[in-house]
Amino acid sequence: MKTRRNTVAAKQQRDTTSATSRTSPSRYTPLPKELRIAGFNLRQRTREGDLAVYEQSHPKCPTRLRYEVIVIRRREAFEIKGRRVEAAEFYPRSEDWGSFGWTLTTRDAAFDKLQRVQLKRRDTQ
């Protein structure tokens, strides 16, 4: 028969286990499949390892689509003002555009760029 003490102990064990797995170096909060950045809606269309294609639209003109090819980057966990921020993947910043992100006007152009970036990254590894 489970007692309250056993239930609490089991919950604490689960909490400790999940906290440990979240903070291990190989665990990062994944980049969302849908997000909003600078007023644009972004929806992931494909992901291959640390490369992805996102479809970009603006609420005022939802039929005008653009595509962003990105290199998904990762940051380690850190603490700011006593609050812990978990390790996570992140979208390239504006200043990283041209090195870790590219905007293209057609889906075909985006997938061509994705292939070129994949080949370039394989050649440099």
PDB file of N, CA and C in Angstrom:
ATOM      1  N   MET A   1       0.838  -1.180   0.000  1.00  0.00           N
ATOM      2  CA  MET A   1       0.000   0.000   0.000  1.00  0.00           C
ATOM      3  C   MET A   1       0.885   1.246   0.000  1.00  0.00           C
ATOM      4  N   LYS A   2       0.560   2.188  -0.884  1.00  0.00           N
ATOM      5  CA  LYS A   2       1.351   3.412  -0.959  1.00  0.00           C
ATOM      6  C   LYS A   2       0.931   4.362   0.146  1.00  0.00           C
ATOM      7  N   THR A   3       1.899   4.899   0.805  1.00  0.00           N
ATOM      8  CA  THR A   3       1.623   5.929   1.805  1.00  0.00           C
ATOM      9  C   THR A   3       1.939   7.279   1.186  1.00  0.00           C
ATOM     10  N   ARG A   4       1.507   8.327   1.836  1.00  0.00           N
ATOM     11  CA  ARG A   4       1.802   9.672   1.348  1.00  0.00           C
ATOM     12  C   ARG A   4       3.304   9.884   1.289  1.00  0.00           C
ATOM     13  N   ARG A   5       4.019   9.406   2.284  1.00  0.00           N
ATOM     14  CA  ARG A   5       5.478   9.573   2.322  1.00  0.00           C
ATOM     15  C   ARG A   5       6.114   8.902   1.099  1.00  0.00           C
ATOM     16  N   ASN A   6       5.689   7.674   0.757  1.00  0.00           N
ATOM     17  CA  ASN A   6       6.239   6.981  -0.410  1.00  0.00           C
ATOM     18  C   ASN A   6       5.900   7.721  -1.703  1.00  0.00           C
ATOM     19  N   THR A   7       4.688   8.252  -1.787  1.00  0.00           N
ATOM     20  CA  THR A   7       4.283   8.993  -2.979  1.00  0.00           C
ATOM     21  C   THR A   7       5.129  10.249  -3.136  1.00  0.00           C
ATOM     22  N   VAL A   8       5.343  10.976  -2.045  1.00  0.00           N
ATOM     23  CA  VAL A   8       6.170  12.188  -2.084  1.00  0.00           C
ATOM     24  C   VAL A   8       7.602  11.834  -2.444  1.00  0.00           C
ATOM     25  N   ALA A   9       8.138  10.766  -1.861  1.00  0.00           N
ATOM     26  CA  ALA A   9       9.513  10.344  -2.167  1.00  0.00           C
ATOM     27  C   ALA A   9       9.641   9.962  -3.637  1.00  0.00           C
ATOM     28  N   ALA A  10       8.643   9.252  -4.165  1.00  0.00           N
ATOM     29  CA  ALA A  10       8.684   8.867  -5.581  1.00  0.00           C
ATOM     30  C   ALA A  10       8.633  10.102  -6.470  1.00  0.00           C
ATOM     31  N   LYS A  11       7.799  11.082  -6.110  1.00  0.00           N
ATOM     32  CA  LYS A  11       7.708  12.310  -6.898  1.00  0.00           C
ATOM     33  C   LYS A  11       9.032  13.071  -6.849  1.00  0.00           C
ATOM     34  N   GLN A  12       9.652  13.157  -5.667  1.00  0.00           N
ATOM     35  CA  GLN A  12      10.939  13.845  -5.554  1.00  0.00           C
ATOM     36  C   GLN A  12      11.991  13.153  -6.409  1.00  0.00           C
ATOM     37  N   GLN A  13      11.973  11.827  -6.434  1.00  0.00           N
ATOM     38  CA  GLN A  13      12.930  11.081  -7.255  1.00  0.00           C
ATOM     39  C   GLN A  13      12.722  11.401  -8.733  1.00  0.00           C
ATOM     40  N   ARG A  14      11.463  11.413  -9.180  1.00  0.00           N
ATOM     41  CA  ARG A  14      11.173  11.756 -10.585  1.00  0.00           C
ATOM     42  C   ARG A  14      11.631  13.171 -10.890  1.00  0.00           C
ATOM     43  N   ASP A  15      11.333  14.120  -9.986  1.00  0.00           N
ATOM     44  CA  ASP A  15      11.729  15.512 -10.201  1.00  0.00           C
ATOM     45  C   ASP A  15      13.239  15.648 -10.293  1.00  0.00           C
ATOM     46  N   THR A  16      13.967  14.955  -9.423  1.00  0.00           N
ATOM     47  CA  THR A  16      15.428  15.009  -9.440  1.00  0.00           C
ATOM     48  C   THR A  16      15.965  14.414 -10.727  1.00  0.00           C
ATOM     49  N   THR A  17      15.396  13.292 -11.148  1.00  0.00           N
ATOM     50  CA  THR A  17      15.844  12.641 -12.376  1.00  0.00           C
ATOM     51  C   THR A  17      15.611  13.541 -13.573  1.00  0.00           C
ATOM     52  N   SER A  18      14.414  14.133 -13.682  1.00  0.00           N
ATOM     53  CA  SER A  18      14.143  14.977 -14.845  1.00  0.00           C
ATOM     54  C   SER A  18      14.975  16.247 -14.805  1.00  0.00           C
ATOM     55  N   ALA A  19      15.224  16.797 -13.625  1.00  0.00           N
ATOM     56  CA  ALA A  19      16.070  17.990 -13.537  1.00  0.00           C
ATOM     57  C   ALA A  19      17.485  17.670 -13.967  1.00  0.00           C
ATOM     58  N   THR A  20      17.987  16.508 -13.578  1.00  0.00           N
ATOM     59  CA  THR A  20      19.336  16.108 -13.969  1.00  0.00           C
ATOM     60  C   THR A  20      19.426  15.924 -15.468  1.00  0.00           C
ATOM     61  N   SER A  21      18.429  15.269 -16.061  1.00  0.00           N
ATOM     62  CA  SER A  21      18.494  15.034 -17.502  1.00  0.00           C
ATOM     63  C   SER A  21      18.364  16.343 -18.271  1.00  0.00           C
ATOM     64  N   ARG A  22      17.595  17.301 -17.748  1.00  0.00           N
ATOM     65  CA  ARG A  22      17.455  18.583 -18.442  1.00  0.00           C
ATOM     66  C   ARG A  22      18.751  19.377 -18.416  1.00  0.00           C
ATOM     67  N   THR A  23      19.560  19.184 -17.384  1.00  0.00           N
ATOM     68  CA  THR A  23      20.762  19.995 -17.273  1.00  0.00           C
ATOM     69  C   THR A  23      21.999  19.298 -17.810  1.00  0.00           C
ATOM     70  N   SER A  24      21.887  18.064 -18.264  1.00  0.00           N
ATOM     71  CA  SER A  24      23.055  17.392 -18.814  1.00  0.00           C
ATOM     72  C   SER A  24      23.468  18.106 -20.092  1.00  0.00           C
ATOM     73  N   PRO A  25      24.767  18.102 -20.419  1.00  0.00           N
ATOM     74  CA  PRO A  25      25.253  18.865 -21.562  1.00  0.00           C
ATOM     75  C   PRO A  25      24.612  18.486 -22.893  1.00  0.00           C
ATOM     76  N   SER A  26      24.103  17.267 -23.018  1.00  0.00           N
ATOM     77  CA  SER A  26      23.543  16.845 -24.297  1.00  0.00           C
ATOM     78  C   SER A  26      22.060  17.203 -24.441  1.00  0.00           C
ATOM     79  N   ARG A  27      21.476  17.818 -23.448  1.00  0.00           N
ATOM     80  CA  ARG A  27      20.047  18.147 -23.494  1.00  0.00           C
ATOM     81  C   ARG A  27      19.836  19.645 -23.692  1.00  0.00           C
ATOM     82  N   TYR A  28      19.144  19.986 -24.750  1.00  0.00           N
ATOM     83  CA  TYR A  28      18.808  21.373 -25.046  1.00  0.00           C
ATOM     84  C   TYR A  28      17.315  21.451 -25.320  1.00  0.00           C
ATOM     85  N   THR A  29      16.677  22.504 -24.856  1.00  0.00           N
ATOM     86  CA  THR A  29      15.283  22.715 -25.199  1.00  0.00           C
ATOM     87  C   THR A  29      15.233  22.950 -26.707  1.00  0.00           C
ATOM     88  N   PRO A  30      14.442  22.159 -27.441  1.00  0.00           N
ATOM     89  CA  PRO A  30      14.437  22.300 -28.903  1.00  0.00           C
ATOM     90  C   PRO A  30      13.813  23.617 -29.361  1.00  0.00           C
ATOM     91  N   LEU A  31      14.259  24.068 -30.502  1.00  0.00           N
ATOM     92  CA  LEU A  31      13.689  25.254 -31.130  1.00  0.00           C
ATOM     93  C   LEU A  31      12.239  24.940 -31.499  1.00  0.00           C
ATOM     94  N   PRO A  32      11.293  25.824 -31.175  1.00  0.00           N
ATOM     95  CA  PRO A  32       9.890  25.545 -31.504  1.00  0.00           C
ATOM     96  C   PRO A  32       9.664  25.422 -33.008  1.00  0.00           C
ATOM     97  N   LYS A  33       8.664  24.645 -33.374  1.00  0.00           N
ATOM     98  CA  LYS A  33       8.323  24.489 -34.790  1.00  0.00           C
ATOM     99  C   LYS A  33       7.565  25.701 -35.313  1.00  0.00           C
ATOM    100  N   GLU A  34       6.948  26.452 -34.423  1.00  0.00           N
ATOM    101  CA  GLU A  34       6.280  27.697 -34.791  1.00  0.00           C
ATOM    102  C   GLU A  34       6.707  28.766 -33.799  1.00  0.00           C
ATOM    103  N   LEU A  35       7.068  29.941 -34.324  1.00  0.00           N
ATOM    104  CA  LEU A  35       7.449  31.040 -33.458  1.00  0.00           C
ATOM    105  C   LEU A  35       7.175  32.364 -34.146  1.00  0.00           C
ATOM    106  N   ARG A  36       7.296  33.425 -33.382  1.00  0.00           N
ATOM    107  CA  ARG A  36       7.077  34.778 -33.895  1.00  0.00           C
ATOM    108  C   ARG A  36       8.302  35.608 -33.547  1.00  0.00           C
ATOM    109  N   ILE A  37       8.905  36.213 -34.573  1.00  0.00           N
ATOM    110  CA  ILE A  37      10.096  37.036 -34.375  1.00  0.00           C
ATOM    111  C   ILE A  37       9.922  38.317 -35.181  1.00  0.00           C
ATOM    112  N   ALA A  38      10.102  39.460 -34.529  1.00  0.00           N
ATOM    113  CA  ALA A  38      10.045  40.778 -35.176  1.00  0.00           C
ATOM    114  C   ALA A  38       8.765  40.958 -35.997  1.00  0.00           C
ATOM    115  N   GLY A  39       7.649  40.469 -35.476  1.00  0.00           N
ATOM    116  CA  GLY A  39       6.366  40.631 -36.148  1.00  0.00           C
ATOM    117  C   GLY A  39       6.059  39.594 -37.213  1.00  0.00           C
ATOM    118  N   PHE A  40       7.006  38.714 -37.500  1.00  0.00           N
ATOM    119  CA  PHE A  40       6.801  37.675 -38.511  1.00  0.00           C
ATOM    120  C   PHE A  40       6.437  36.355 -37.847  1.00  0.00           C
ATOM    121  N   ASN A  41       5.538  35.609 -38.489  1.00  0.00           N
ATOM    122  CA  ASN A  41       5.215  34.250 -38.059  1.00  0.00           C
ATOM    123  C   ASN A  41       6.136  33.306 -38.808  1.00  0.00           C
ATOM    124  N   LEU A  42       6.729  32.381 -38.091  1.00  0.00           N
ATOM    125  CA  LEU A  42       7.646  31.413 -38.689  1.00  0.00           C
ATOM    126  C   LEU A  42       7.160  30.009 -38.384  1.00  0.00           C
ATOM    127  N   ARG A  43       7.130  29.164 -39.414  1.00  0.00           N
ATOM    128  CA  ARG A  43       6.701  27.773 -39.254  1.00  0.00           C
ATOM    129  C   ARG A  43       7.756  26.862 -39.883  1.00  0.00           C
ATOM    130  N   GLN A  44       8.253  25.928 -39.075  1.00  0.00           N
ATOM    131  CA  GLN A  44       9.280  25.011 -39.571  1.00  0.00           C
ATOM    132  C   GLN A  44       8.692  24.106 -40.650  1.00  0.00           C
ATOM    133  N   ARG A  45       9.363  24.053 -41.796  1.00  0.00           N
ATOM    134  CA  ARG A  45       8.937  23.196 -42.897  1.00  0.00           C
ATOM    135  C   ARG A  45       9.757  21.917 -42.965  1.00  0.00           C
ATOM    136  N   THR A  46      11.022  21.996 -42.601  1.00  0.00           N
ATOM    137  CA  THR A  46      11.856  20.798 -42.539  1.00  0.00           C
ATOM    138  C   THR A  46      13.007  21.072 -41.596  1.00  0.00           C
ATOM    139  N   ARG A  47      13.515  19.985 -41.037  1.00  0.00           N
ATOM    140  CA  ARG A  47      14.705  20.074 -40.195  1.00  0.00           C
ATOM    141  C   ARG A  47      15.563  18.859 -40.477  1.00  0.00           C
ATOM    142  N   GLU A  48      16.844  19.119 -40.707  1.00  0.00           N
ATOM    143  CA  GLU A  48      17.812  18.052 -40.935  1.00  0.00           C
ATOM    144  C   GLU A  48      19.016  18.338 -40.051  1.00  0.00           C
ATOM    145  N   GLY A  49      19.063  17.652 -38.904  1.00  0.00           N
ATOM    146  CA  GLY A  49      20.139  17.899 -37.950  1.00  0.00           C
ATOM    147  C   GLY A  49      20.027  19.303 -37.392  1.00  0.00           C
ATOM    148  N   ASP A  50      21.090  20.097 -37.576  1.00  0.00           N
ATOM    149  CA  ASP A  50      21.062  21.464 -37.059  1.00  0.00           C
ATOM    150  C   ASP A  50      20.758  22.490 -38.155  1.00  0.00           C
ATOM    151  N   LEU A  51      20.155  22.037 -39.247  1.00  0.00           N
ATOM    152  CA  LEU A  51      19.713  22.933 -40.319  1.00  0.00           C
ATOM    153  C   LEU A  51      18.199  22.835 -40.447  1.00  0.00           C
ATOM    154  N   ALA A  52      17.564  23.959 -40.769  1.00  0.00           N
ATOM    155  CA  ALA A  52      16.109  23.949 -40.913  1.00  0.00           C
ATOM    156  C   ALA A  52      15.669  24.991 -41.930  1.00  0.00           C
ATOM    157  N   VAL A  53      14.485  24.759 -42.483  1.00  0.00           N
ATOM    158  CA  VAL A  53      13.827  25.741 -43.341  1.00  0.00           C
ATOM    159  C   VAL A  53      12.548  26.154 -42.624  1.00  0.00           C
ATOM    160  N   TYR A  54      12.385  27.464 -42.421  1.00  0.00           N
ATOM    161  CA  TYR A  54      11.174  28.027 -41.836  1.00  0.00           C
ATOM    162  C   TYR A  54      10.455  28.856 -42.889  1.00  0.00           C
ATOM    163  N   GLU A  55       9.138  28.733 -42.926  1.00  0.00           N
ATOM    164  CA  GLU A  55       8.305  29.557 -43.803  1.00  0.00           C
ATOM    165  C   GLU A  55       7.945  30.815 -43.019  1.00  0.00           C
ATOM    166  N   GLN A  56       8.157  31.972 -43.634  1.00  0.00           N
ATOM    167  CA  GLN A  56       7.929  33.252 -42.968  1.00  0.00           C
ATOM    168  C   GLN A  56       6.709  33.943 -43.575  1.00  0.00           C
ATOM    169  N   SER A  57       5.823  34.446 -42.725  1.00  0.00           N
ATOM    170  CA  SER A  57       4.685  35.240 -43.197  1.00  0.00           C
ATOM    171  C   SER A  57       4.471  36.391 -42.225  1.00  0.00           C
ATOM    172  N   HIS A  58       3.745  37.396 -42.693  1.00  0.00           N
ATOM    173  CA  HIS A  58       3.427  38.545 -41.844  1.00  0.00           C
ATOM    174  C   HIS A  58       1.910  38.602 -41.693  1.00  0.00           C
ATOM    175  N   PRO A  59       1.412  38.880 -40.485  1.00  0.00           N
ATOM    176  CA  PRO A  59      -0.039  38.895 -40.271  1.00  0.00           C
ATOM    177  C   PRO A  59      -0.794  39.842 -41.211  1.00  0.00           C
ATOM    178  N   LYS A  60      -0.167  40.944 -41.614  1.00  0.00           N
ATOM    179  CA  LYS A  60      -0.848  41.898 -42.498  1.00  0.00           C
ATOM    180  C   LYS A  60      -0.873  41.442 -43.954  1.00  0.00           C
ATOM    181  N   CYS A  61      -0.035  40.481 -44.295  1.00  0.00           N
ATOM    182  CA  CYS A  61       0.019  39.978 -45.673  1.00  0.00           C
ATOM    183  C   CYS A  61       0.354  38.481 -45.638  1.00  0.00           C
ATOM    184  N   PRO A  62      -0.575  37.654 -45.127  1.00  0.00           N
ATOM    185  CA  PRO A  62      -0.274  36.233 -44.901  1.00  0.00           C
ATOM    186  C   PRO A  62      -0.010  35.411 -46.161  1.00  0.00           C
ATOM    187  N   THR A  63      -0.402  35.909 -47.332  1.00  0.00           N
ATOM    188  CA  THR A  63      -0.168  35.132 -48.556  1.00  0.00           C
ATOM    189  C   THR A  63       1.212  35.387 -49.154  1.00  0.00           C
ATOM    190  N   ARG A  64       1.900  36.404 -48.685  1.00  0.00           N
ATOM    191  CA  ARG A  64       3.256  36.696 -49.177  1.00  0.00           C
ATOM    192  C   ARG A  64       4.250  35.919 -48.314  1.00  0.00           C
ATOM    193  N   LEU A  65       4.719  34.823 -48.837  1.00  0.00           N
ATOM    194  CA  LEU A  65       5.599  33.940 -48.072  1.00  0.00           C
ATOM    195  C   LEU A  65       7.053  34.132 -48.468  1.00  0.00           C
ATOM    196  N   ARG A  66       7.915  34.023 -47.484  1.00  0.00           N
ATOM    197  CA  ARG A  66       9.361  33.986 -47.674  1.00  0.00           C
ATOM    198  C   ARG A  66       9.840  32.759 -46.912  1.00  0.00           C
ATOM    199  N   TYR A  67      11.067  32.367 -47.163  1.00  0.00           N
ATOM    200  CA  TYR A  67      11.612  31.166 -46.525  1.00  0.00           C
ATOM    201  C   TYR A  67      12.961  31.499 -45.921  1.00  0.00           C
ATOM    202  N   GLU A  68      13.189  31.001 -44.733  1.00  0.00           N
ATOM    203  CA  GLU A  68      14.456  31.224 -44.048  1.00  0.00           C
ATOM    204  C   GLU A  68      15.152  29.888 -43.833  1.00  0.00           C
ATOM    205  N   VAL A  69      16.375  29.807 -44.305  1.00  0.00           N
ATOM    206  CA  VAL A  69      17.227  28.638 -44.067  1.00  0.00           C
ATOM    207  C   VAL A  69      18.116  29.032 -42.904  1.00  0.00           C
ATOM    208  N   ILE A  70      18.143  28.210 -41.868  1.00  0.00           N
ATOM    209  CA  ILE A  70      18.926  28.576 -40.683  1.00  0.00           C
ATOM    210  C   ILE A  70      19.815  27.428 -40.213  1.00  0.00           C
ATOM    211  N   VAL A  71      20.890  27.833 -39.559  1.00  0.00           N
ATOM    212  CA  VAL A  71      21.731  26.900 -38.809  1.00  0.00           C
ATOM    213  C   VAL A  71      21.278  27.051 -37.364  1.00  0.00           C
ATOM    214  N   ILE A  72      20.735  25.981 -36.806  1.00  0.00           N
ATOM    215  CA  ILE A  72      20.263  26.008 -35.423  1.00  0.00           C
ATOM    216  C   ILE A  72      21.475  25.931 -34.511  1.00  0.00           C
ATOM    217  N   ARG A  73      21.561  26.894 -33.612  1.00  0.00           N
ATOM    218  CA  ARG A  73      22.698  26.932 -32.690  1.00  0.00           C
ATOM    219  C   ARG A  73      22.216  26.608 -31.285  1.00  0.00           C
ATOM    220  N   ARG A  74      23.153  26.353 -30.402  1.00  0.00           N
ATOM    221  CA  ARG A  74      22.820  25.957 -29.031  1.00  0.00           C
ATOM    222  C   ARG A  74      23.586  26.811 -28.034  1.00  0.00           C
ATOM    223  N   ARG A  75      22.943  27.063 -26.910  1.00  0.00           N
ATOM    224  CA  ARG A  75      23.617  27.762 -25.815  1.00  0.00           C
ATOM    225  C   ARG A  75      23.454  26.929 -24.554  1.00  0.00           C
ATOM    226  N   GLU A  76      24.450  27.013 -23.721  1.00  0.00           N
ATOM    227  CA  GLU A  76      24.428  26.272 -22.461  1.00  0.00           C
ATOM    228  C   GLU A  76      23.517  26.978 -21.457  1.00  0.00           C
ATOM    229  N   ALA A  77      23.163  26.273 -20.409  1.00  0.00           N
ATOM    230  CA  ALA A  77      22.360  26.857 -19.340  1.00  0.00           C
ATOM    231  C   ALA A  77      23.169  27.957 -18.657  1.00  0.00           C
ATOM    232  N   PHE A  78      22.458  28.936 -18.101  1.00  0.00           N
ATOM    233  CA  PHE A  78      23.125  30.003 -17.361  1.00  0.00           C
ATOM    234  C   PHE A  78      22.165  30.551 -16.321  1.00  0.00           C
ATOM    235  N   GLU A  79      22.676  31.401 -15.469  1.00  0.00           N
ATOM    236  CA  GLU A  79      21.860  32.003 -14.427  1.00  0.00           C
ATOM    237  C   GLU A  79      21.925  33.511 -14.585  1.00  0.00           C
ATOM    238  N   ILE A  80      20.777  34.153 -14.447  1.00  0.00           N
ATOM    239  CA  ILE A  80      20.722  35.608 -14.527  1.00  0.00           C
ATOM    240  C   ILE A  80      19.810  36.115 -13.415  1.00  0.00           C
ATOM    241  N   LYS A  81      20.347  36.994 -12.592  1.00  0.00           N
ATOM    242  CA  LYS A  81      19.611  37.556 -11.453  1.00  0.00           C
ATOM    243  C   LYS A  81      18.994  36.461 -10.593  1.00  0.00           C
ATOM    244  N   GLY A  82      19.755  35.402 -10.353  1.00  0.00           N
ATOM    245  CA  GLY A  82      19.302  34.313  -9.503  1.00  0.00           C
ATOM    246  C   GLY A  82      18.328  33.346 -10.156  1.00  0.00           C
ATOM    247  N   ARG A  83      18.035  33.539 -11.421  1.00  0.00           N
ATOM    248  CA  ARG A  83      17.090  32.662 -12.128  1.00  0.00           C
ATOM    249  C   ARG A  83      17.841  31.830 -13.153  1.00  0.00           C
ATOM    250  N   ARG A  84      17.598  30.537 -13.130  1.00  0.00           N
ATOM    251  CA  ARG A  84      18.282  29.622 -14.047  1.00  0.00           C
ATOM    252  C   ARG A  84      17.561  29.579 -15.393  1.00  0.00           C
ATOM    253  N   VAL A  85      18.334  29.696 -16.454  1.00  0.00           N
ATOM    254  CA  VAL A  85      17.814  29.581 -17.812  1.00  0.00           C
ATOM    255  C   VAL A  85      18.408  28.299 -18.382  1.00  0.00           C
ATOM    256  N   GLU A  86      17.551  27.379 -18.798  1.00  0.00           N
ATOM    257  CA  GLU A  86      18.003  26.066 -19.262  1.00  0.00           C
ATOM    258  C   GLU A  86      18.739  26.155 -20.597  1.00  0.00           C
ATOM    259  N   ALA A  87      19.547  25.151 -20.859  1.00  0.00           N
ATOM    260  CA  ALA A  87      20.243  25.040 -22.144  1.00  0.00           C
ATOM    261  C   ALA A  87      19.192  24.929 -23.246  1.00  0.00           C
ATOM    262  N   ALA A  88      19.447  25.578 -24.375  1.00  0.00           N
ATOM    263  CA  ALA A  88      18.432  25.589 -25.430  1.00  0.00           C
ATOM    264  C   ALA A  88      19.041  25.826 -26.803  1.00  0.00           C
ATOM    265  N   GLU A  89      18.280  25.430 -27.814  1.00  0.00           N
ATOM    266  CA  GLU A  89      18.611  25.785 -29.192  1.00  0.00           C
ATOM    267  C   GLU A  89      18.080  27.199 -29.422  1.00  0.00           C
ATOM    268  N   PHE A  90      18.709  27.922 -30.363  1.00  0.00           N
ATOM    269  CA  PHE A  90      18.190  29.254 -30.650  1.00  0.00           C
ATOM    270  C   PHE A  90      18.277  29.598 -32.126  1.00  0.00           C
ATOM    271  N   TYR A  91      17.374  30.492 -32.533  1.00  0.00           N
ATOM    272  CA  TYR A  91      17.283  31.003 -33.899  1.00  0.00           C
ATOM    273  C   TYR A  91      18.403  32.027 -34.088  1.00  0.00           C
ATOM    274  N   PRO A  92      18.983  32.130 -35.269  1.00  0.00           N
ATOM    275  CA  PRO A  92      20.052  33.117 -35.478  1.00  0.00           C
ATOM    276  C   PRO A  92      19.570  34.547 -35.201  1.00  0.00           C
ATOM    277  N   ARG A  93      20.460  35.352 -34.650  1.00  0.00           N
ATOM    278  CA  ARG A  93      20.158  36.761 -34.399  1.00  0.00           C
ATOM    279  C   ARG A  93      20.309  37.546 -35.704  1.00  0.00           C
ATOM    280  N   SER A  94      19.801  38.746 -35.736  1.00  0.00           N
ATOM    281  CA  SER A  94      19.896  39.590 -36.938  1.00  0.00           C
ATOM    282  C   SER A  94      21.330  39.741 -37.409  1.00  0.00           C
ATOM    283  N   GLU A  95      22.252  39.952 -36.477  1.00  0.00           N
ATOM    284  CA  GLU A  95      23.659  40.160 -36.846  1.00  0.00           C
ATOM    285  C   GLU A  95      24.331  38.888 -37.361  1.00  0.00           C
ATOM    286  N   ASP A  96      23.678  37.733 -37.191  1.00  0.00           N
ATOM    287  CA  ASP A  96      24.226  36.462 -37.686  1.00  0.00           C
ATOM    288  C   ASP A  96      23.759  36.141 -39.105  1.00  0.00           C
ATOM    289  N   TRP A  97      22.849  36.994 -39.639  1.00  0.00           N
ATOM    290  CA  TRP A  97      22.289  36.719 -40.960  1.00  0.00           C
ATOM    291  C   TRP A  97      23.379  36.807 -42.018  1.00  0.00           C
ATOM    292  N   GLY A  98      23.368  35.854 -42.913  1.00  0.00           N
ATOM    293  CA  GLY A  98      24.403  35.771 -43.940  1.00  0.00           C
ATOM    294  C   GLY A  98      25.442  34.721 -43.591  1.00  0.00           C
ATOM    295  N   SER A  99      25.566  34.401 -42.304  1.00  0.00           N
ATOM    296  CA  SER A  99      26.468  33.340 -41.850  1.00  0.00           C
ATOM    297  C   SER A  99      25.702  32.141 -41.300  1.00  0.00           C
ATOM    298  N   PHE A 100      24.616  32.417 -40.558  1.00  0.00           N
ATOM    299  CA  PHE A 100      23.828  31.348 -39.942  1.00  0.00           C
ATOM    300  C   PHE A 100      22.359  31.378 -40.359  1.00  0.00           C
ATOM    301  N   GLY A 101      21.986  32.317 -41.219  1.00  0.00           N
ATOM    302  CA  GLY A 101      20.610  32.404 -41.685  1.00  0.00           C
ATOM    303  C   GLY A 101      20.521  33.152 -43.004  1.00  0.00           C
ATOM    304  N   TRP A 102      19.562  32.729 -43.855  1.00  0.00           N
ATOM    305  CA  TRP A 102      19.378  33.325 -45.178  1.00  0.00           C
ATOM    306  C   TRP A 102      17.892  33.376 -45.476  1.00  0.00           C
ATOM    307  N   THR A 103      17.429  34.480 -46.058  1.00  0.00           N
ATOM    308  CA  THR A 103      16.035  34.615 -46.457  1.00  0.00           C
ATOM    309  C   THR A 103      15.948  34.475 -47.968  1.00  0.00           C
ATOM    310  N   LEU A 104      15.019  33.628 -48.416  1.00  0.00           N
ATOM    311  CA  LEU A 104      14.840  33.390 -49.855  1.00  0.00           C
ATOM    312  C   LEU A 104      13.373  33.583 -50.216  1.00  0.00           C
ATOM    313  N   THR A 105      13.129  33.898 -51.476  1.00  0.00           N
ATOM    314  CA  THR A 105      11.767  34.256 -51.881  1.00  0.00           C
ATOM    315  C   THR A 105      10.916  33.085 -52.344  1.00  0.00           C
ATOM    316  N   THR A 106      11.539  31.948 -52.650  1.00  0.00           N
ATOM    317  CA  THR A 106      10.741  30.792 -53.072  1.00  0.00           C
ATOM    318  C   THR A 106      11.137  29.551 -52.278  1.00  0.00           C
ATOM    319  N   ARG A 107      10.195  28.633 -52.214  1.00  0.00           N
ATOM    320  CA  ARG A 107      10.442  27.367 -51.512  1.00  0.00           C
ATOM    321  C   ARG A 107      11.581  26.600 -52.188  1.00  0.00           C
ATOM    322  N   ASP A 108      11.574  26.545 -53.513  1.00  0.00           N
ATOM    323  CA  ASP A 108      12.632  25.832 -54.239  1.00  0.00           C
ATOM    324  C   ASP A 108      14.005  26.431 -53.957  1.00  0.00           C
ATOM    325  N   ALA A 109      14.084  27.760 -53.958  1.00  0.00           N
ATOM    326  CA  ALA A 109      15.363  28.421 -53.669  1.00  0.00           C
ATOM    327  C   ALA A 109      15.826  28.091 -52.251  1.00  0.00           C
ATOM    328  N   ALA A 110      14.885  28.012 -51.314  1.00  0.00           N
ATOM    329  CA  ALA A 110      15.237  27.690 -49.928  1.00  0.00           C
ATOM    330  C   ALA A 110      15.800  26.277 -49.824  1.00  0.00           C
ATOM    331  N   PHE A 111      15.174  25.318 -50.493  1.00  0.00           N
ATOM    332  CA  PHE A 111      15.663  23.941 -50.414  1.00  0.00           C
ATOM    333  C   PHE A 111      16.985  23.771 -51.159  1.00  0.00           C
ATOM    334  N   ASP A 112      17.186  24.545 -52.228  1.00  0.00           N
ATOM    335  CA  ASP A 112      18.499  24.546 -52.894  1.00  0.00           C
ATOM    336  C   ASP A 112      19.572  25.081 -51.947  1.00  0.00           C
ATOM    337  N   LYS A 113      19.260  26.171 -51.249  1.00  0.00           N
ATOM    338  CA  LYS A 113      20.211  26.756 -50.293  1.00  0.00           C
ATOM    339  C   LYS A 113      20.496  25.769 -49.166  1.00  0.00           C
ATOM    340  N   LEU A 114      19.472  25.090 -48.686  1.00  0.00           N
ATOM    341  CA  LEU A 114      19.652  24.086 -47.637  1.00  0.00           C
ATOM    342  C   LEU A 114      20.663  23.033 -48.082  1.00  0.00           C
ATOM    343  N   GLN A 115      20.525  22.543 -49.307  1.00  0.00           N
ATOM    344  CA  GLN A 115      21.466  21.536 -49.822  1.00  0.00           C
ATOM    345  C   GLN A 115      22.883  22.098 -49.928  1.00  0.00           C
ATOM    346  N   ARG A 116      23.018  23.343 -50.406  1.00  0.00           N
ATOM    347  CA  ARG A 116      24.349  23.951 -50.520  1.00  0.00           C
ATOM    348  C   ARG A 116      25.004  24.118 -49.150  1.00  0.00           C
ATOM    349  N   VAL A 117      24.228  24.540 -48.165  1.00  0.00           N
ATOM    350  CA  VAL A 117      24.768  24.700 -46.806  1.00  0.00           C
ATOM    351  C   VAL A 117      25.173  23.339 -46.244  1.00  0.00           C
ATOM    352  N   GLN A 118      24.356  22.306 -46.474  1.00  0.00           N
ATOM    353  CA  GLN A 118      24.703  20.954 -46.013  1.00  0.00           C
ATOM    354  C   GLN A 118      26.030  20.507 -46.614  1.00  0.00           C
ATOM    355  N   LEU A 119      26.186  20.682 -47.917  1.00  0.00           N
ATOM    356  CA  LEU A 119      27.430  20.268 -48.584  1.00  0.00           C
ATOM    357  C   LEU A 119      28.630  21.046 -48.059  1.00  0.00           C
ATOM    358  N   LYS A 120      28.466  22.344 -47.888  1.00  0.00           N
ATOM    359  CA  LYS A 120      29.570  23.169 -47.385  1.00  0.00           C
ATOM    360  C   LYS A 120      29.967  22.740 -45.974  1.00  0.00           C
ATOM    361  N   ARG A 121      28.971  22.459 -45.130  1.00  0.00           N
ATOM    362  CA  ARG A 121      29.266  22.041 -43.755  1.00  0.00           C
ATOM    363  C   ARG A 121      29.947  20.672 -43.734  1.00  0.00           C
ATOM    364  N   ARG A 122      29.562  19.768 -44.639  1.00  0.00           N
ATOM    365  CA  ARG A 122      30.219  18.452 -44.712  1.00  0.00           C
ATOM    366  C   ARG A 122      31.669  18.597 -45.148  1.00  0.00           C
ATOM    367  N   ASP A 123      31.909  19.491 -46.107  1.00  0.00           N
ATOM    368  CA  ASP A 123      33.269  19.702 -46.616  1.00  0.00           C
ATOM    369  C   ASP A 123      34.201  20.299 -45.568  1.00  0.00           C
ATOM    370  N   THR A 124      33.660  21.085 -44.634  1.00  0.00           N
ATOM    371  CA  THR A 124      34.503  21.731 -43.625  1.00  0.00           C
ATOM    372  C   THR A 124      34.679  20.891 -42.364  1.00  0.00           C
ATOM    373  N   GLN A 125      33.986  19.769 -42.283  1.00  0.00           N
ATOM    374  CA  GLN A 125      34.114  18.934 -41.068  1.00  0.00           C
ATOM    375  C   GLN A 125      35.231  17.940 -41.191  1.00  0.00           C
TER     376      GLN A 125
END
